[in-house]
Amino acid sequence: MAVTDKELEASVLTAAKIVEAHGDAYMPIFAKLSDELDRRKVQRAKVTAHLRRCRLTNRRMVKEFDDL
């Protein structure tokens, strides 16, 4: 079963609290979770940007066709 973004965000927060309370020995776990959350956000932004470009292109193509 895949981990949801909400679950991952909660895990990052928990890991941060553990690092704060128990020290840098737990930093690798925090870093791995945090990096995964950041990676997902970057990928989602890329998808959003691509879809936006495609929608703009499609609108232009439809308008040009309608103008014929």
N, C-alpha and C. Protein backbone atom coordinates (compact mmCIF):
# COMPACT_ATOMS: atom_id res chain seq x y z
N MET A 1 0.84 -1.18 0.00
CA MET A 1 0.00 0.00 0.00
C MET A 1 0.89 1.25 0.00
N ALA A 2 0.58 2.18 -0.83
CA ALA A 2 1.37 3.41 -0.96
C ALA A 2 1.13 4.34 0.22
N VAL A 3 2.16 5.07 0.57
CA VAL A 3 2.07 6.06 1.64
C VAL A 3 1.51 7.34 1.04
N THR A 4 0.49 7.89 1.66
CA THR A 4 -0.11 9.13 1.17
C THR A 4 0.76 10.32 1.56
N ASP A 5 0.53 11.44 0.89
CA ASP A 5 1.27 12.66 1.24
C ASP A 5 0.98 13.07 2.68
N LYS A 6 -0.26 12.93 3.09
CA LYS A 6 -0.64 13.30 4.46
C LYS A 6 0.12 12.44 5.48
N GLU A 7 0.20 11.15 5.22
CA GLU A 7 0.95 10.26 6.10
C GLU A 7 2.44 10.60 6.11
N LEU A 8 2.96 10.93 4.94
CA LEU A 8 4.37 11.29 4.84
C LEU A 8 4.66 12.58 5.60
N GLU A 9 3.78 13.57 5.46
CA GLU A 9 3.95 14.82 6.19
C GLU A 9 3.93 14.59 7.70
N ALA A 10 3.03 13.73 8.17
CA ALA A 10 2.97 13.41 9.59
C ALA A 10 4.24 12.70 10.04
N SER A 11 4.77 11.84 9.19
CA SER A 11 6.01 11.12 9.51
C SER A 11 7.20 12.06 9.59
N VAL A 12 7.26 13.03 8.68
CA VAL A 12 8.34 14.02 8.71
C VAL A 12 8.28 14.81 10.02
N LEU A 13 7.10 15.21 10.42
CA LEU A 13 6.94 15.96 11.67
C LEU A 13 7.36 15.10 12.86
N THR A 14 6.93 13.85 12.88
CA THR A 14 7.31 12.95 13.96
C THR A 14 8.82 12.76 14.01
N ALA A 15 9.43 12.56 12.85
CA ALA A 15 10.89 12.38 12.79
C ALA A 15 11.61 13.64 13.26
N ALA A 16 11.10 14.80 12.91
CA ALA A 16 11.72 16.06 13.36
C ALA A 16 11.66 16.16 14.89
N LYS A 17 10.53 15.78 15.46
CA LYS A 17 10.39 15.81 16.92
C LYS A 17 11.34 14.82 17.58
N ILE A 18 11.53 13.66 16.96
CA ILE A 18 12.45 12.66 17.50
C ILE A 18 13.88 13.18 17.46
N VAL A 19 14.27 13.80 16.35
CA VAL A 19 15.61 14.39 16.25
C VAL A 19 15.79 15.46 17.32
N GLU A 20 14.79 16.29 17.49
CA GLU A 20 14.87 17.35 18.50
C GLU A 20 15.03 16.77 19.91
N ALA A 21 14.30 15.70 20.19
CA ALA A 21 14.31 15.13 21.53
C ALA A 21 15.49 14.20 21.80
N HIS A 22 15.95 13.48 20.75
CA HIS A 22 16.93 12.42 20.98
C HIS A 22 18.24 12.60 20.23
N GLY A 23 18.34 13.63 19.43
CA GLY A 23 19.62 13.94 18.81
C GLY A 23 19.77 13.50 17.36
N ASP A 24 20.96 13.81 16.85
CA ASP A 24 21.26 13.63 15.42
C ASP A 24 21.36 12.18 14.97
N ALA A 25 21.36 11.25 15.88
CA ALA A 25 21.41 9.84 15.49
C ALA A 25 20.21 9.48 14.60
N TYR A 26 19.12 10.22 14.75
CA TYR A 26 17.90 9.96 13.99
C TYR A 26 17.76 10.85 12.76
N MET A 27 18.77 11.67 12.52
CA MET A 27 18.74 12.59 11.37
C MET A 27 18.60 11.87 10.03
N PRO A 28 19.27 10.73 9.80
CA PRO A 28 19.10 10.06 8.49
C PRO A 28 17.66 9.67 8.18
N ILE A 29 16.92 9.27 9.19
CA ILE A 29 15.51 8.93 8.97
C ILE A 29 14.72 10.18 8.60
N PHE A 30 14.95 11.26 9.35
CA PHE A 30 14.29 12.52 9.04
C PHE A 30 14.64 12.96 7.62
N ALA A 31 15.92 12.90 7.26
CA ALA A 31 16.37 13.35 5.94
C ALA A 31 15.71 12.54 4.83
N LYS A 32 15.63 11.24 5.01
CA LYS A 32 15.02 10.39 3.97
C LYS A 32 13.55 10.73 3.78
N LEU A 33 12.82 10.88 4.87
CA LEU A 33 11.40 11.22 4.78
C LEU A 33 11.21 12.61 4.18
N SER A 34 12.00 13.57 4.63
CA SER A 34 11.90 14.94 4.14
C SER A 34 12.24 15.02 2.65
N ASP A 35 13.28 14.30 2.24
CA ASP A 35 13.66 14.29 0.82
C ASP A 35 12.56 13.70 -0.05
N GLU A 36 11.91 12.65 0.43
CA GLU A 36 10.82 12.04 -0.33
C GLU A 36 9.65 13.00 -0.47
N LEU A 37 9.33 13.71 0.60
CA LEU A 37 8.25 14.70 0.53
C LEU A 37 8.59 15.80 -0.46
N ASP A 38 9.82 16.30 -0.40
CA ASP A 38 10.27 17.33 -1.35
C ASP A 38 10.23 16.83 -2.79
N ARG A 39 10.67 15.57 -3.00
CA ARG A 39 10.67 14.99 -4.34
C ARG A 39 9.25 14.93 -4.90
N ARG A 40 8.31 14.53 -4.07
CA ARG A 40 6.92 14.47 -4.52
C ARG A 40 6.39 15.85 -4.89
N LYS A 41 6.73 16.85 -4.09
CA LYS A 41 6.26 18.21 -4.38
C LYS A 41 6.83 18.71 -5.70
N VAL A 42 8.10 18.44 -5.96
CA VAL A 42 8.73 18.87 -7.22
C VAL A 42 8.07 18.16 -8.39
N GLN A 43 7.87 16.86 -8.27
CA GLN A 43 7.24 16.10 -9.35
C GLN A 43 5.82 16.60 -9.62
N ARG A 44 5.07 16.88 -8.56
CA ARG A 44 3.70 17.37 -8.73
C ARG A 44 3.69 18.73 -9.42
N ALA A 45 4.66 19.58 -9.08
CA ALA A 45 4.76 20.90 -9.73
C ALA A 45 5.07 20.74 -11.21
N LYS A 46 5.92 19.79 -11.56
CA LYS A 46 6.24 19.54 -12.97
C LYS A 46 5.01 19.07 -13.73
N VAL A 47 4.25 18.17 -13.12
CA VAL A 47 3.02 17.68 -13.76
C VAL A 47 2.05 18.83 -13.98
N THR A 48 1.87 19.65 -12.96
CA THR A 48 0.96 20.79 -13.06
C THR A 48 1.39 21.74 -14.17
N ALA A 49 2.68 22.05 -14.23
CA ALA A 49 3.19 22.95 -15.26
C ALA A 49 2.98 22.36 -16.66
N HIS A 50 3.23 21.08 -16.81
CA HIS A 50 3.04 20.44 -18.11
C HIS A 50 1.57 20.47 -18.53
N LEU A 51 0.69 20.15 -17.61
CA LEU A 51 -0.74 20.18 -17.94
C LEU A 51 -1.20 21.58 -18.30
N ARG A 52 -0.69 22.58 -17.61
CA ARG A 52 -1.05 23.97 -17.91
C ARG A 52 -0.61 24.32 -19.33
N ARG A 53 0.62 23.95 -19.69
CA ARG A 53 1.12 24.23 -21.05
C ARG A 53 0.27 23.52 -22.10
N CYS A 54 -0.07 22.27 -21.83
CA CYS A 54 -0.89 21.51 -22.79
C CYS A 54 -2.27 22.13 -22.95
N ARG A 55 -2.86 22.56 -21.87
CA ARG A 55 -4.19 23.18 -21.95
C ARG A 55 -4.15 24.48 -22.73
N LEU A 56 -3.09 25.28 -22.52
CA LEU A 56 -2.96 26.53 -23.28
C LEU A 56 -2.79 26.24 -24.76
N THR A 57 -1.97 25.25 -25.08
CA THR A 57 -1.76 24.88 -26.48
C THR A 57 -3.05 24.39 -27.10
N ASN A 58 -3.79 23.56 -26.39
CA ASN A 58 -5.05 23.04 -26.92
C ASN A 58 -6.07 24.16 -27.13
N ARG A 59 -6.12 25.12 -26.22
CA ARG A 59 -7.05 26.25 -26.40
C ARG A 59 -6.70 27.04 -27.64
N ARG A 60 -5.41 27.26 -27.86
CA ARG A 60 -5.00 28.00 -29.06
C ARG A 60 -5.37 27.24 -30.32
N MET A 61 -5.17 25.92 -30.30
CA MET A 61 -5.49 25.12 -31.48
C MET A 61 -6.99 25.15 -31.76
N VAL A 62 -7.81 25.05 -30.72
CA VAL A 62 -9.26 25.08 -30.89
C VAL A 62 -9.69 26.44 -31.42
N LYS A 63 -9.13 27.52 -30.87
CA LYS A 63 -9.49 28.86 -31.32
C LYS A 63 -9.11 29.05 -32.79
N GLU A 64 -7.92 28.60 -33.16
CA GLU A 64 -7.49 28.73 -34.56
C GLU A 64 -8.43 27.95 -35.47
N PHE A 65 -8.85 26.78 -35.05
CA PHE A 65 -9.76 25.97 -35.85
C PHE A 65 -11.12 26.67 -35.97
N ASP A 66 -11.60 27.23 -34.87
CA ASP A 66 -12.89 27.94 -34.89
C ASP A 66 -12.85 29.16 -35.79
N ASP A 67 -11.69 29.79 -35.90
CA ASP A 67 -11.55 30.99 -36.72
C ASP A 67 -11.51 30.69 -38.22
N LEU A 68 -11.38 29.43 -38.58
CA LEU A 68 -11.29 29.09 -40.02
C LEU A 68 -12.59 29.29 -40.74
